PDB file of N, CA and C in Angstrom:
ATOM      1  N   MET A   1      14.210 -27.970  -3.123  1.00  0.00           N
ATOM      2  CA  MET A   1      13.914 -28.896  -4.193  1.00  0.00           C
ATOM      3  C   MET A   1      13.009 -28.201  -5.205  1.00  0.00           C
ATOM      4  N   THR A   2      13.343 -28.264  -6.433  1.00  0.00           N
ATOM      5  CA  THR A   2      12.502 -27.711  -7.484  1.00  0.00           C
ATOM      6  C   THR A   2      11.369 -28.689  -7.763  1.00  0.00           C
ATOM      7  N   ALA A   3      10.161 -28.164  -7.861  1.00  0.00           N
ATOM      8  CA  ALA A   3       9.007 -29.032  -8.121  1.00  0.00           C
ATOM      9  C   ALA A   3       9.201 -29.770  -9.438  1.00  0.00           C
ATOM     10  N   GLN A   4       8.845 -31.003  -9.454  1.00  0.00           N
ATOM     11  CA  GLN A   4       8.927 -31.822 -10.658  1.00  0.00           C
ATOM     12  C   GLN A   4       7.587 -31.759 -11.389  1.00  0.00           C
ATOM     13  N   PRO A   5       7.547 -32.036 -12.681  1.00  0.00           N
ATOM     14  CA  PRO A   5       6.311 -31.932 -13.454  1.00  0.00           C
ATOM     15  C   PRO A   5       5.134 -32.696 -12.862  1.00  0.00           C
ATOM     16  N   LYS A   6       5.365 -33.771 -12.122  1.00  0.00           N
ATOM     17  CA  LYS A   6       4.256 -34.541 -11.562  1.00  0.00           C
ATOM     18  C   LYS A   6       3.712 -33.931 -10.271  1.00  0.00           C
ATOM     19  N   GLU A   7       4.391 -32.905  -9.726  1.00  0.00           N
ATOM     20  CA  GLU A   7       3.972 -32.305  -8.472  1.00  0.00           C
ATOM     21  C   GLU A   7       3.036 -31.130  -8.724  1.00  0.00           C
ATOM     22  N   ALA A   8       2.177 -30.861  -7.748  1.00  0.00           N
ATOM     23  CA  ALA A   8       1.220 -29.765  -7.857  1.00  0.00           C
ATOM     24  C   ALA A   8       1.918 -28.418  -7.693  1.00  0.00           C
ATOM     25  N   VAL A   9       1.464 -27.423  -8.440  1.00  0.00           N
ATOM     26  CA  VAL A   9       1.947 -26.052  -8.311  1.00  0.00           C
ATOM     27  C   VAL A   9       0.743 -25.127  -8.308  1.00  0.00           C
ATOM     28  N   GLY A  10       0.948 -23.888  -7.872  1.00  0.00           N
ATOM     29  CA  GLY A  10      -0.105 -22.886  -7.908  1.00  0.00           C
ATOM     30  C   GLY A  10      -1.355 -23.310  -7.167  1.00  0.00           C
ATOM     31  N   ALA A  11      -2.500 -23.071  -7.776  1.00  0.00           N
ATOM     32  CA  ALA A  11      -3.785 -23.386  -7.143  1.00  0.00           C
ATOM     33  C   ALA A  11      -3.931 -24.877  -6.852  1.00  0.00           C
ATOM     34  N   ALA A  12      -3.370 -25.731  -7.695  1.00  0.00           N
ATOM     35  CA  ALA A  12      -3.458 -27.181  -7.459  1.00  0.00           C
ATOM     36  C   ALA A  12      -2.741 -27.563  -6.171  1.00  0.00           C
ATOM     37  N   TYR A  13      -1.627 -26.866  -5.866  1.00  0.00           N
ATOM     38  CA  TYR A  13      -0.926 -27.133  -4.605  1.00  0.00           C
ATOM     39  C   TYR A  13      -1.818 -26.775  -3.424  1.00  0.00           C
ATOM     40  N   SER A  14      -2.521 -25.640  -3.504  1.00  0.00           N
ATOM     41  CA  SER A  14      -3.413 -25.229  -2.419  1.00  0.00           C
ATOM     42  C   SER A  14      -4.515 -26.253  -2.197  1.00  0.00           C
ATOM     43  N   ILE A  15      -5.040 -26.823  -3.264  1.00  0.00           N
ATOM     44  CA  ILE A  15      -6.086 -27.846  -3.144  1.00  0.00           C
ATOM     45  C   ILE A  15      -5.527 -29.078  -2.452  1.00  0.00           C
ATOM     46  N   ASP A  16      -4.320 -29.507  -2.824  1.00  0.00           N
ATOM     47  CA  ASP A  16      -3.692 -30.652  -2.162  1.00  0.00           C
ATOM     48  C   ASP A  16      -3.449 -30.360  -0.688  1.00  0.00           C
ATOM     49  N   ALA A  17      -2.912 -29.177  -0.383  1.00  0.00           N
ATOM     50  CA  ALA A  17      -2.637 -28.806   1.007  1.00  0.00           C
ATOM     51  C   ALA A  17      -3.930 -28.760   1.817  1.00  0.00           C
ATOM     52  N   MET A  18      -5.010 -28.255   1.218  1.00  0.00           N
ATOM     53  CA  MET A  18      -6.299 -28.198   1.900  1.00  0.00           C
ATOM     54  C   MET A  18      -6.799 -29.605   2.219  1.00  0.00           C
ATOM     55  N   ARG A  19      -6.651 -30.521   1.292  1.00  0.00           N
ATOM     56  CA  ARG A  19      -7.086 -31.906   1.521  1.00  0.00           C
ATOM     57  C   ARG A  19      -6.304 -32.554   2.657  1.00  0.00           C
ATOM     58  N   TYR A  20      -4.985 -32.338   2.682  1.00  0.00           N
ATOM     59  CA  TYR A  20      -4.167 -32.892   3.765  1.00  0.00           C
ATOM     60  C   TYR A  20      -4.582 -32.299   5.112  1.00  0.00           C
ATOM     61  N   ALA A  21      -4.783 -30.984   5.154  1.00  0.00           N
ATOM     62  CA  ALA A  21      -5.187 -30.331   6.403  1.00  0.00           C
ATOM     63  C   ALA A  21      -6.531 -30.876   6.878  1.00  0.00           C
ATOM     64  N   GLN A  22      -7.497 -30.980   5.981  1.00  0.00           N
ATOM     65  CA  GLN A  22      -8.820 -31.493   6.349  1.00  0.00           C
ATOM     66  C   GLN A  22      -8.749 -32.936   6.820  1.00  0.00           C
ATOM     67  N   ALA A  23      -7.912 -33.738   6.198  1.00  0.00           N
ATOM     68  CA  ALA A  23      -7.772 -35.142   6.600  1.00  0.00           C
ATOM     69  C   ALA A  23      -7.239 -35.260   8.027  1.00  0.00           C
ATOM     70  N   MET A  24      -6.497 -34.245   8.478  1.00  0.00           N
ATOM     71  CA  MET A  24      -5.958 -34.249   9.836  1.00  0.00           C
ATOM     72  C   MET A  24      -6.831 -33.457  10.803  1.00  0.00           C
ATOM     73  N   GLY A  25      -7.992 -32.985  10.323  1.00  0.00           N
ATOM     74  CA  GLY A  25      -8.922 -32.272  11.189  1.00  0.00           C
ATOM     75  C   GLY A  25      -8.654 -30.785  11.343  1.00  0.00           C
ATOM     76  N   TRP A  26      -7.903 -30.190  10.428  1.00  0.00           N
ATOM     77  CA  TRP A  26      -7.571 -28.767  10.484  1.00  0.00           C
ATOM     78  C   TRP A  26      -8.177 -28.030   9.295  1.00  0.00           C
ATOM     79  N   ARG A  27      -8.170 -26.711   9.368  1.00  0.00           N
ATOM     80  CA  ARG A  27      -8.657 -25.858   8.284  1.00  0.00           C
ATOM     81  C   ARG A  27      -7.467 -25.057   7.753  1.00  0.00           C
ATOM     82  N   LEU A  28      -7.200 -25.155   6.462  1.00  0.00           N
ATOM     83  CA  LEU A  28      -6.089 -24.436   5.831  1.00  0.00           C
ATOM     84  C   LEU A  28      -6.492 -22.993   5.568  1.00  0.00           C
ATOM     85  N   ASN A  29      -5.608 -22.060   5.907  1.00  0.00           N
ATOM     86  CA  ASN A  29      -5.826 -20.646   5.600  1.00  0.00           C
ATOM     87  C   ASN A  29      -5.380 -20.415   4.157  1.00  0.00           C
ATOM     88  N   LEU A  30      -6.327 -20.313   3.243  1.00  0.00           N
ATOM     89  CA  LEU A  30      -6.016 -20.153   1.818  1.00  0.00           C
ATOM     90  C   LEU A  30      -5.578 -18.734   1.450  1.00  0.00           C
ATOM     91  N   ASP A  31      -5.676 -17.790   2.401  1.00  0.00           N
ATOM     92  CA  ASP A  31      -5.212 -16.428   2.133  1.00  0.00           C
ATOM     93  C   ASP A  31      -3.693 -16.332   2.174  1.00  0.00           C
ATOM     94  N   ILE A  32      -3.040 -17.301   2.814  1.00  0.00           N
ATOM     95  CA  ILE A  32      -1.583 -17.328   2.911  1.00  0.00           C
ATOM     96  C   ILE A  32      -1.067 -18.279   1.839  1.00  0.00           C
ATOM     97  N   LYS A  33      -0.271 -17.769   0.905  1.00  0.00           N
ATOM     98  CA  LYS A  33       0.121 -18.572  -0.255  1.00  0.00           C
ATOM     99  C   LYS A  33       1.625 -18.750  -0.386  1.00  0.00           C
ATOM    100  N   GLY A  34       2.404 -18.262   0.548  1.00  0.00           N
ATOM    101  CA  GLY A  34       3.847 -18.270   0.370  1.00  0.00           C
ATOM    102  C   GLY A  34       4.254 -17.059  -0.451  1.00  0.00           C
ATOM    103  N   HIS A  35       5.559 -16.818  -0.561  1.00  0.00           N
ATOM    104  CA  HIS A  35       5.998 -15.595  -1.227  1.00  0.00           C
ATOM    105  C   HIS A  35       7.426 -15.735  -1.718  1.00  0.00           C
ATOM    106  N   ARG A  36       7.822 -14.807  -2.579  1.00  0.00           N
ATOM    107  CA  ARG A  36       9.209 -14.738  -3.048  1.00  0.00           C
ATOM    108  C   ARG A  36      10.096 -14.321  -1.888  1.00  0.00           C
ATOM    109  N   VAL A  37      11.352 -14.714  -1.929  1.00  0.00           N
ATOM    110  CA  VAL A  37      12.318 -14.234  -0.953  1.00  0.00           C
ATOM    111  C   VAL A  37      12.483 -12.742  -1.209  1.00  0.00           C
ATOM    112  N   SER A  38      12.274 -11.929  -0.169  1.00  0.00           N
ATOM    113  CA  SER A  38      12.386 -10.478  -0.315  1.00  0.00           C
ATOM    114  C   SER A  38      12.598  -9.860   1.059  1.00  0.00           C
ATOM    115  N   ASP A  39      12.803  -8.556   1.073  1.00  0.00           N
ATOM    116  CA  ASP A  39      12.973  -7.849   2.330  1.00  0.00           C
ATOM    117  C   ASP A  39      11.676  -7.842   3.121  1.00  0.00           C
ATOM    118  N   PHE A  40      11.797  -7.635   4.429  1.00  0.00           N
ATOM    119  CA  PHE A  40      10.631  -7.553   5.312  1.00  0.00           C
ATOM    120  C   PHE A  40      10.317  -6.084   5.526  1.00  0.00           C
ATOM    121  N   PRO A  41       9.096  -5.635   5.635  1.00  0.00           N
ATOM    122  CA  PRO A  41       7.868  -6.433   5.613  1.00  0.00           C
ATOM    123  C   PRO A  41       7.450  -6.775   4.188  1.00  0.00           C
ATOM    124  N   HIS A  42       6.924  -7.960   4.033  1.00  0.00           N
ATOM    125  CA  HIS A  42       6.539  -8.458   2.713  1.00  0.00           C
ATOM    126  C   HIS A  42       5.404  -7.653   2.089  1.00  0.00           C
ATOM    127  N   ALA A  43       4.598  -6.994   2.919  1.00  0.00           N
ATOM    128  CA  ALA A  43       3.501  -6.189   2.382  1.00  0.00           C
ATOM    129  C   ALA A  43       4.035  -5.022   1.542  1.00  0.00           C
ATOM    130  N   ILE A  44       5.248  -4.551   1.865  1.00  0.00           N
ATOM    131  CA  ILE A  44       5.852  -3.444   1.113  1.00  0.00           C
ATOM    132  C   ILE A  44       6.757  -3.976   0.005  1.00  0.00           C
ATOM    133  N   HIS A  45       7.585  -4.964   0.333  1.00  0.00           N
ATOM    134  CA  HIS A  45       8.564  -5.524  -0.604  1.00  0.00           C
ATOM    135  C   HIS A  45       8.037  -6.843  -1.156  1.00  0.00           C
ATOM    136  N   ARG A  46       6.995  -6.773  -1.928  1.00  0.00           N
ATOM    137  CA  ARG A  46       6.303  -7.981  -2.372  1.00  0.00           C
ATOM    138  C   ARG A  46       6.882  -8.488  -3.687  1.00  0.00           C
ATOM    139  N   GLY A  47       7.178  -9.783  -3.733  1.00  0.00           N
ATOM    140  CA  GLY A  47       7.710 -10.372  -4.951  1.00  0.00           C
ATOM    141  C   GLY A  47       6.739 -11.312  -5.629  1.00  0.00           C
ATOM    142  N   GLY A  48       5.537 -11.462  -5.087  1.00  0.00           N
ATOM    143  CA  GLY A  48       4.542 -12.352  -5.665  1.00  0.00           C
ATOM    144  C   GLY A  48       4.120 -13.439  -4.694  1.00  0.00           C
ATOM    145  N   ASP A  49       3.030 -14.116  -5.001  1.00  0.00           N
ATOM    146  CA  ASP A  49       2.494 -15.190  -4.170  1.00  0.00           C
ATOM    147  C   ASP A  49       2.807 -16.534  -4.797  1.00  0.00           C
ATOM    148  N   LEU A  50       3.359 -17.450  -4.009  1.00  0.00           N
ATOM    149  CA  LEU A  50       3.673 -18.785  -4.497  1.00  0.00           C
ATOM    150  C   LEU A  50       2.412 -19.498  -4.976  1.00  0.00           C
ATOM    151  N   GLY A  51       1.294 -19.299  -4.286  1.00  0.00           N
ATOM    152  CA  GLY A  51       0.044 -19.955  -4.666  1.00  0.00           C
ATOM    153  C   GLY A  51      -0.519 -19.484  -5.994  1.00  0.00           C
ATOM    154  N   ASP A  52      -0.071 -18.322  -6.456  1.00  0.00           N
ATOM    155  CA  ASP A  52      -0.527 -17.794  -7.747  1.00  0.00           C
ATOM    156  C   ASP A  52       0.467 -18.085  -8.867  1.00  0.00           C
ATOM    157  N   PHE A  53       1.625 -18.640  -8.529  1.00  0.00           N
ATOM    158  CA  PHE A  53       2.687 -18.909  -9.494  1.00  0.00           C
ATOM    159  C   PHE A  53       2.426 -20.263 -10.137  1.00  0.00           C
ATOM    160  N   GLU A  54       2.133 -20.278 -11.426  1.00  0.00           N
ATOM    161  CA  GLU A  54       1.704 -21.497 -12.117  1.00  0.00           C
ATOM    162  C   GLU A  54       2.846 -22.291 -12.750  1.00  0.00           C
ATOM    163  N   HIS A  55       4.080 -21.963 -12.408  1.00  0.00           N
ATOM    164  CA  HIS A  55       5.235 -22.682 -12.942  1.00  0.00           C
ATOM    165  C   HIS A  55       5.920 -23.421 -11.808  1.00  0.00           C
ATOM    166  N   TYR A  56       6.913 -24.229 -12.138  1.00  0.00           N
ATOM    167  CA  TYR A  56       7.657 -24.949 -11.110  1.00  0.00           C
ATOM    168  C   TYR A  56       8.680 -23.996 -10.505  1.00  0.00           C
ATOM    169  N   PRO A  57       8.609 -23.762  -9.187  1.00  0.00           N
ATOM    170  CA  PRO A  57       9.478 -22.754  -8.570  1.00  0.00           C
ATOM    171  C   PRO A  57      10.942 -23.173  -8.541  1.00  0.00           C
ATOM    172  N   ASN A  58      11.820 -22.200  -8.746  1.00  0.00           N
ATOM    173  CA  ASN A  58      13.258 -22.436  -8.629  1.00  0.00           C
ATOM    174  C   ASN A  58      13.640 -22.477  -7.160  1.00  0.00           C
ATOM    175  N   ALA A  59      14.583 -23.331  -6.830  1.00  0.00           N
ATOM    176  CA  ALA A  59      15.061 -23.442  -5.455  1.00  0.00           C
ATOM    177  C   ALA A  59      15.694 -22.126  -5.013  1.00  0.00           C
ATOM    178  N   GLY A  60      15.495 -21.790  -3.747  1.00  0.00           N
ATOM    179  CA  GLY A  60      16.125 -20.616  -3.170  1.00  0.00           C
ATOM    180  C   GLY A  60      15.446 -19.297  -3.451  1.00  0.00           C
ATOM    181  N   LEU A  61      14.348 -19.294  -4.192  1.00  0.00           N
ATOM    182  CA  LEU A  61      13.663 -18.043  -4.528  1.00  0.00           C
ATOM    183  C   LEU A  61      12.301 -17.897  -3.870  1.00  0.00           C
ATOM    184  N   TRP A  62      11.759 -18.970  -3.323  1.00  0.00           N
ATOM    185  CA  TRP A  62      10.398 -18.953  -2.797  1.00  0.00           C
ATOM    186  C   TRP A  62      10.358 -19.464  -1.361  1.00  0.00           C
ATOM    187  N   ILE A  63       9.456 -18.888  -0.579  1.00  0.00           N
ATOM    188  CA  ILE A  63       9.189 -19.323   0.790  1.00  0.00           C
ATOM    189  C   ILE A  63       7.831 -20.023   0.788  1.00  0.00           C
ATOM    190  N   LEU A  64       7.825 -21.283   1.214  1.00  0.00           N
ATOM    191  CA  LEU A  64       6.571 -22.011   1.399  1.00  0.00           C
ATOM    192  C   LEU A  64       6.016 -21.591   2.748  1.00  0.00           C
ATOM    193  N   GLU A  65       4.767 -21.191   2.798  1.00  0.00           N
ATOM    194  CA  GLU A  65       4.146 -20.723   4.031  1.00  0.00           C
ATOM    195  C   GLU A  65       2.784 -21.393   4.160  1.00  0.00           C
ATOM    196  N   ILE A  66       2.583 -22.074   5.275  1.00  0.00           N
ATOM    197  CA  ILE A  66       1.327 -22.782   5.511  1.00  0.00           C
ATOM    198  C   ILE A  66       0.800 -22.401   6.886  1.00  0.00           C
ATOM    199  N   GLN A  67      -0.469 -22.030   6.954  1.00  0.00           N
ATOM    200  CA  GLN A  67      -1.140 -21.762   8.222  1.00  0.00           C
ATOM    201  C   GLN A  67      -2.388 -22.621   8.286  1.00  0.00           C
ATOM    202  N   VAL A  68      -2.559 -23.303   9.416  1.00  0.00           N
ATOM    203  CA  VAL A  68      -3.767 -24.091   9.635  1.00  0.00           C
ATOM    204  C   VAL A  68      -4.414 -23.628  10.930  1.00  0.00           C
ATOM    205  N   ALA A  69      -5.721 -23.803  11.025  1.00  0.00           N
ATOM    206  CA  ALA A  69      -6.473 -23.421  12.219  1.00  0.00           C
ATOM    207  C   ALA A  69      -7.327 -24.593  12.673  1.00  0.00           C
ATOM    208  N   HIS A  70      -7.502 -24.681  13.976  1.00  0.00           N
ATOM    209  CA  HIS A  70      -8.430 -25.667  14.517  1.00  0.00           C
ATOM    210  C   HIS A  70      -9.826 -25.264  14.050  1.00  0.00           C
ATOM    211  N   PRO A  71     -10.673 -26.209  13.679  1.00  0.00           N
ATOM    212  CA  PRO A  71     -11.980 -25.848  13.123  1.00  0.00           C
ATOM    213  C   PRO A  71     -12.939 -25.190  14.117  1.00  0.00           C
ATOM    214  N   SER A  72     -12.737 -25.377  15.419  1.00  0.00           N
ATOM    215  CA  SER A  72     -13.687 -24.792  16.374  1.00  0.00           C
ATOM    216  C   SER A  72     -13.028 -24.084  17.554  1.00  0.00           C
ATOM    217  N   LYS A  73     -11.721 -24.184  17.677  1.00  0.00           N
ATOM    218  CA  LYS A  73     -11.022 -23.543  18.794  1.00  0.00           C
ATOM    219  C   LYS A  73     -10.127 -22.421  18.270  1.00  0.00           C
ATOM    220  N   PRO A  74      -9.781 -21.448  19.138  1.00  0.00           N
ATOM    221  CA  PRO A  74      -9.055 -20.262  18.671  1.00  0.00           C
ATOM    222  C   PRO A  74      -7.536 -20.432  18.594  1.00  0.00           C
ATOM    223  N   TYR A  75      -7.060 -21.494  17.965  1.00  0.00           N
ATOM    224  CA  TYR A  75      -5.620 -21.658  17.786  1.00  0.00           C
ATOM    225  C   TYR A  75      -5.333 -22.422  16.510  1.00  0.00           C
ATOM    226  N   GLY A  76      -4.074 -22.387  16.134  1.00  0.00           N
ATOM    227  CA  GLY A  76      -3.671 -23.070  14.913  1.00  0.00           C
ATOM    228  C   GLY A  76      -2.177 -23.305  14.912  1.00  0.00           C
ATOM    229  N   ALA A  77      -1.608 -23.446  13.733  1.00  0.00           N
ATOM    230  CA  ALA A  77      -0.179 -23.695  13.583  1.00  0.00           C
ATOM    231  C   ALA A  77       0.320 -23.001  12.322  1.00  0.00           C
ATOM    232  N   PHE A  78       1.624 -22.766  12.283  1.00  0.00           N
ATOM    233  CA  PHE A  78       2.244 -22.027  11.194  1.00  0.00           C
ATOM    234  C   PHE A  78       3.537 -22.729  10.804  1.00  0.00           C
ATOM    235  N   TYR A  79       3.800 -22.826   9.508  1.00  0.00           N
ATOM    236  CA  TYR A  79       5.049 -23.396   9.008  1.00  0.00           C
ATOM    237  C   TYR A  79       5.546 -22.532   7.868  1.00  0.00           C
ATOM    238  N   GLU A  80       6.838 -22.243   7.881  1.00  0.00           N
ATOM    239  CA  GLU A  80       7.444 -21.456   6.812  1.00  0.00           C
ATOM    240  C   GLU A  80       8.842 -22.004   6.562  1.00  0.00           C
ATOM    241  N   ASP A  81       9.201 -22.184   5.289  1.00  0.00           N
ATOM    242  CA  ASP A  81      10.524 -22.708   4.965  1.00  0.00           C
ATOM    243  C   ASP A  81      10.913 -22.287   3.550  1.00  0.00           C
ATOM    244  N   LEU A  82      12.205 -22.153   3.340  1.00  0.00           N
ATOM    245  CA  LEU A  82      12.743 -21.842   2.022  1.00  0.00           C
ATOM    246  C   LEU A  82      12.692 -23.096   1.162  1.00  0.00           C
ATOM    247  N   LEU A  83      12.121 -22.999  -0.028  1.00  0.00           N
ATOM    248  CA  LEU A  83      12.131 -24.132  -0.950  1.00  0.00           C
ATOM    249  C   LEU A  83      13.546 -24.289  -1.477  1.00  0.00           C
ATOM    250  N   ALA A  84      14.120 -25.433  -1.226  1.00  0.00           N
ATOM    251  CA  ALA A  84      15.520 -25.655  -1.613  1.00  0.00           C
ATOM    252  C   ALA A  84      15.646 -26.879  -2.488  1.00  0.00           C
TER     253      ALA A  84
END
């Protein structure tokens, strides 16, 4: 789904995601911002960070990536999906 003008993008999306994570008792890893679809490893074949992209992303070009951590225990959760 392509983001609509009323939806958060870039840094505003990270702020919204952080609020949702905190409301559920988790801590959002703000270092992980999602990325362009590209070859692996992403550290070498980098297409940009979704969290730094200030426009509405086109479907099929970006991977949404979210990592949360428990605030006091050594575990968390990870979610990654193609924006469609």
